[in-house]
Protein backbone atom coordinates (compact mmCIF):
# COMPACT_ATOMS: atom_id res chain seq x y z
CA MET A 1 15.79 35.70 -15.99
CA ARG A 2 12.50 35.90 -17.80
CA THR A 3 11.45 33.03 -19.98
CA PRO A 4 12.20 33.86 -23.51
CA VAL A 5 10.54 33.02 -26.82
CA LEU A 6 12.39 30.08 -28.44
CA GLU A 7 12.23 28.66 -31.88
CA ALA A 8 12.43 24.89 -32.56
CA SER A 9 12.94 23.04 -35.75
CA GLY A 10 9.98 22.26 -37.91
CA GLY A 11 8.37 25.60 -37.48
CA LEU A 12 7.58 25.28 -33.77
CA VAL A 13 7.79 28.24 -31.46
CA LEU A 14 7.90 28.10 -27.75
CA HIS A 15 6.13 31.14 -26.13
CA PRO A 16 6.18 31.75 -22.45
CA VAL A 17 2.90 30.89 -20.87
CA THR A 18 0.33 33.64 -20.10
CA LEU A 19 -2.99 33.82 -18.53
CA GLY A 20 -4.50 33.82 -21.98
CA ASP A 21 -3.23 30.38 -22.56
CA LEU A 22 -5.49 28.88 -19.93
CA SER A 23 -8.27 28.02 -22.49
CA GLU A 24 -5.78 26.11 -24.69
CA PHE A 25 -4.60 24.09 -21.48
CA LEU A 26 -8.21 23.21 -20.82
CA ALA A 27 -8.98 22.27 -24.42
CA MET A 28 -5.94 20.02 -24.37
CA TYR A 29 -7.16 18.38 -21.15
CA ASN A 30 -10.68 17.90 -22.33
CA GLU A 31 -9.46 16.15 -25.58
CA ALA A 32 -7.38 13.61 -23.71
CA PRO A 33 -7.99 13.72 -19.92
CA VAL A 34 -5.69 10.69 -19.39
CA ASP A 35 -2.88 12.48 -21.17
CA GLY A 36 -3.50 15.59 -18.94
CA ARG A 37 -3.33 13.53 -15.81
CA THR A 38 -0.17 11.84 -17.01
CA ALA A 39 1.58 15.27 -17.67
CA LEU A 40 0.12 16.82 -14.44
CA PRO A 41 -0.29 13.87 -12.09
CA TRP A 42 -1.13 16.19 -9.26
CA LEU A 43 -4.48 16.96 -10.89
CA TYR A 44 -7.54 15.69 -9.09
CA PRO A 45 -10.37 14.80 -11.38
CA HIS A 46 -12.69 17.45 -9.85
CA GLN A 47 -12.23 21.20 -10.40
CA VAL A 48 -9.73 20.69 -13.10
CA ALA A 49 -10.27 24.26 -14.57
CA GLU A 50 -9.54 25.81 -11.13
CA GLN A 51 -6.35 23.65 -10.62
CA ILE A 52 -4.98 24.50 -14.04
CA GLY A 53 -5.83 28.08 -13.57
CA ASP A 54 -3.95 28.22 -10.25
CA MET A 55 -1.01 26.54 -12.02
CA VAL A 56 -0.97 29.11 -14.80
CA ARG A 57 -1.20 32.09 -12.32
CA ASP A 58 1.66 30.65 -10.24
CA ILE A 59 3.79 30.34 -13.44
CA VAL A 60 3.06 33.89 -14.61
CA GLN A 61 3.86 35.25 -11.19
CA ALA A 62 7.29 33.41 -11.12
CA ASP A 63 8.22 34.29 -14.63
CA ASP A 64 11.14 36.51 -13.66
CA GLU A 65 12.65 34.31 -10.80
CA ASP A 66 14.64 31.90 -13.07
CA ARG A 67 13.15 29.16 -10.88
CA ILE A 68 10.67 27.85 -13.40
CA HIS A 69 10.26 28.36 -17.27
CA PHE A 70 7.10 27.23 -18.97
CA TRP A 71 6.26 27.51 -22.63
CA CYS A 72 3.36 26.71 -24.89
CA ILE A 73 4.56 24.97 -28.01
CA ARG A 74 2.88 26.43 -30.98
CA ASP A 75 2.79 25.56 -34.73
CA ALA A 76 1.35 27.96 -37.20
CA ASP A 77 -2.20 27.37 -36.15
CA ARG A 78 -2.42 26.49 -32.41
CA THR A 79 -0.97 25.28 -29.29
CA VAL A 80 0.26 21.75 -29.74
CA GLY A 81 1.81 21.14 -26.36
CA THR A 82 3.62 22.58 -23.34
CA ILE A 83 7.19 22.23 -22.06
CA ALA A 84 8.71 23.30 -18.77
CA LEU A 85 11.73 23.56 -16.46
CA GLY A 86 10.18 23.34 -13.09
CA ASP A 87 11.25 23.17 -9.41
CA GLU A 88 9.56 19.95 -8.35
CA LEU A 89 12.85 18.05 -7.76
CA GLN A 90 13.82 14.61 -6.53
CA LEU A 91 17.51 15.12 -6.01
CA ASP A 92 19.27 17.83 -4.06
CA VAL A 93 21.93 18.29 -6.89
CA SER A 94 19.26 19.15 -9.54
CA ARG A 95 18.26 22.68 -10.48
CA TRP A 96 15.25 21.98 -12.66
CA SER A 97 12.87 19.21 -13.69
CA LEU A 98 11.99 18.94 -17.38
CA GLY A 99 8.26 18.02 -18.20
CA TYR A 100 6.08 18.30 -21.29
CA TRP A 101 2.58 17.54 -22.40
CA ILE A 102 1.84 17.10 -26.18
CA ARG A 103 -1.57 17.55 -27.58
CA ALA A 104 -3.13 14.08 -28.36
CA ASP A 105 -3.38 14.61 -32.21
CA ARG A 106 0.35 15.71 -32.29
CA GLN A 107 1.89 12.86 -30.37
CA GLY A 108 4.35 10.70 -32.33
CA GLN A 109 5.45 13.76 -34.49
CA ARG A 110 8.74 14.55 -32.56
CA VAL A 111 7.08 17.73 -31.11
CA ALA A 112 8.58 16.94 -27.71
CA THR A 113 11.96 16.13 -29.06
CA ARG A 114 12.18 19.32 -31.03
CA ALA A 115 10.96 21.36 -28.11
CA ILE A 116 13.31 19.68 -25.68
CA ASP A 117 16.25 20.38 -28.05
CA ALA A 118 15.25 24.16 -28.18
CA VAL A 119 15.13 24.38 -24.37
CA PHE A 120 18.58 22.57 -23.94
CA GLU A 121 20.11 24.80 -26.72
CA TRP A 122 18.84 27.84 -24.75
CA LEU A 123 20.29 26.46 -21.48
CA HIS A 124 23.62 25.88 -23.08
CA ALA A 125 23.66 29.31 -24.77
CA ARG A 126 23.12 30.85 -21.27
CA ASP A 127 26.30 29.02 -20.10
CA VAL A 128 24.41 27.87 -17.06
CA GLU A 129 25.78 24.97 -15.05
CA ALA A 130 23.00 22.74 -13.78
CA VAL A 131 21.53 19.35 -13.57
CA VAL A 132 18.08 18.76 -15.17
CA GLU A 133 15.83 15.84 -14.17
CA VAL A 134 13.42 14.01 -16.23
CA ALA A 135 11.16 11.73 -14.25
CA VAL A 136 9.03 9.13 -16.13
CA HIS A 137 6.46 6.64 -15.01
CA PRO A 138 7.65 3.18 -15.91
CA HIS A 139 4.45 2.45 -17.99
CA ASN A 140 4.91 5.57 -20.05
CA THR A 141 6.63 3.83 -22.98
CA PRO A 142 6.82 6.86 -25.30
CA GLY A 143 8.00 9.09 -22.39
CA LEU A 144 10.70 6.53 -21.59
CA ALA A 145 11.79 6.52 -25.16
CA THR A 146 11.88 10.34 -25.30
CA ALA A 147 14.05 10.32 -22.06
CA ARG A 148 16.52 7.76 -23.38
CA ALA A 149 16.87 9.70 -26.56
CA LEU A 150 17.33 13.01 -24.58
CA CYS A 151 20.10 11.32 -22.67
CA ASN A 152 21.76 10.05 -25.83
CA ARG A 153 21.60 13.51 -27.52
CA TRP A 154 22.63 15.60 -24.60
CA GLY A 155 25.01 13.40 -22.65
CA GLY A 156 22.47 12.41 -19.81
CA THR A 157 22.40 9.49 -17.45
CA PRO A 158 19.40 7.24 -16.74
CA LEU A 159 19.51 6.17 -13.07
CA ASP A 160 19.21 2.40 -12.48
CA ASP A 161 16.96 2.67 -9.31
CA PHE A 162 13.40 3.99 -9.21
CA VAL A 163 12.58 7.15 -7.20
CA GLY A 164 9.33 7.43 -5.52
CA ILE A 165 7.23 10.57 -6.29
CA ASP A 166 4.38 11.39 -3.96
CA PHE A 167 1.04 12.15 -5.70
CA GLY A 168 -2.14 12.56 -3.74
CA GLY A 169 -0.89 10.55 -0.73
CA ARG A 170 0.49 7.78 -2.95
CA THR A 171 4.19 7.07 -3.73
CA ILE A 172 4.63 6.14 -7.47
CA PRO A 173 7.89 4.77 -8.66
CA HIS A 174 9.47 6.70 -11.65
CA HIS A 175 12.54 6.30 -13.70
CA LEU A 176 14.92 9.23 -13.21
CA HIS A 177 17.10 10.58 -16.00
CA LEU A 178 19.77 13.32 -15.39
CA VAL A 179 21.21 15.72 -17.89
CA GLN A 180 24.24 18.04 -16.92
CA VAL A 181 24.16 21.35 -18.64
CA GLY A 182 27.17 23.58 -18.90
CA GLY A 183 29.97 21.11 -18.12
CA GLY A 184 30.54 18.22 -15.81
CA ASP A 185 28.87 14.85 -15.81
CA ALA A 186 25.36 13.94 -14.70
């Protein structure tokens, strides 16, 4: 299934990523490199443009595989963030991992929450049965709050134990939250 255009509350629209969005990703990264590395922890500080370009090309090539779905979150004027269902999974029971990156000047405005709800509404409408993971670094206080709120709204479960996620040869502990879509319990 191809990644569809989704509408979120507050006038946000989620558009499937295209090669034309590369310049917006680079602008977001250059505005707040720390936020970019938090959202994309596999980025090395050198050759960021090439790495993000490779990512966008991989996303576009996989668009019809129903394995990853990646959107630009836009308001009336510009891209204000990204959200994705990816295939970098920590548990065998999971189908997708959920990640997002909100532009620095739009953080704290519920952009992530509204985009997450649009994605989960789409998954429910598809009548798909799957577990979605949300991994959050323990020092990412806003991300932890968003993940807890997601679990409260969509019936998810935060796991008590940390999971180790490997980035650049280092294992980093993360909190993992699971949300069951389409029936059953996470």
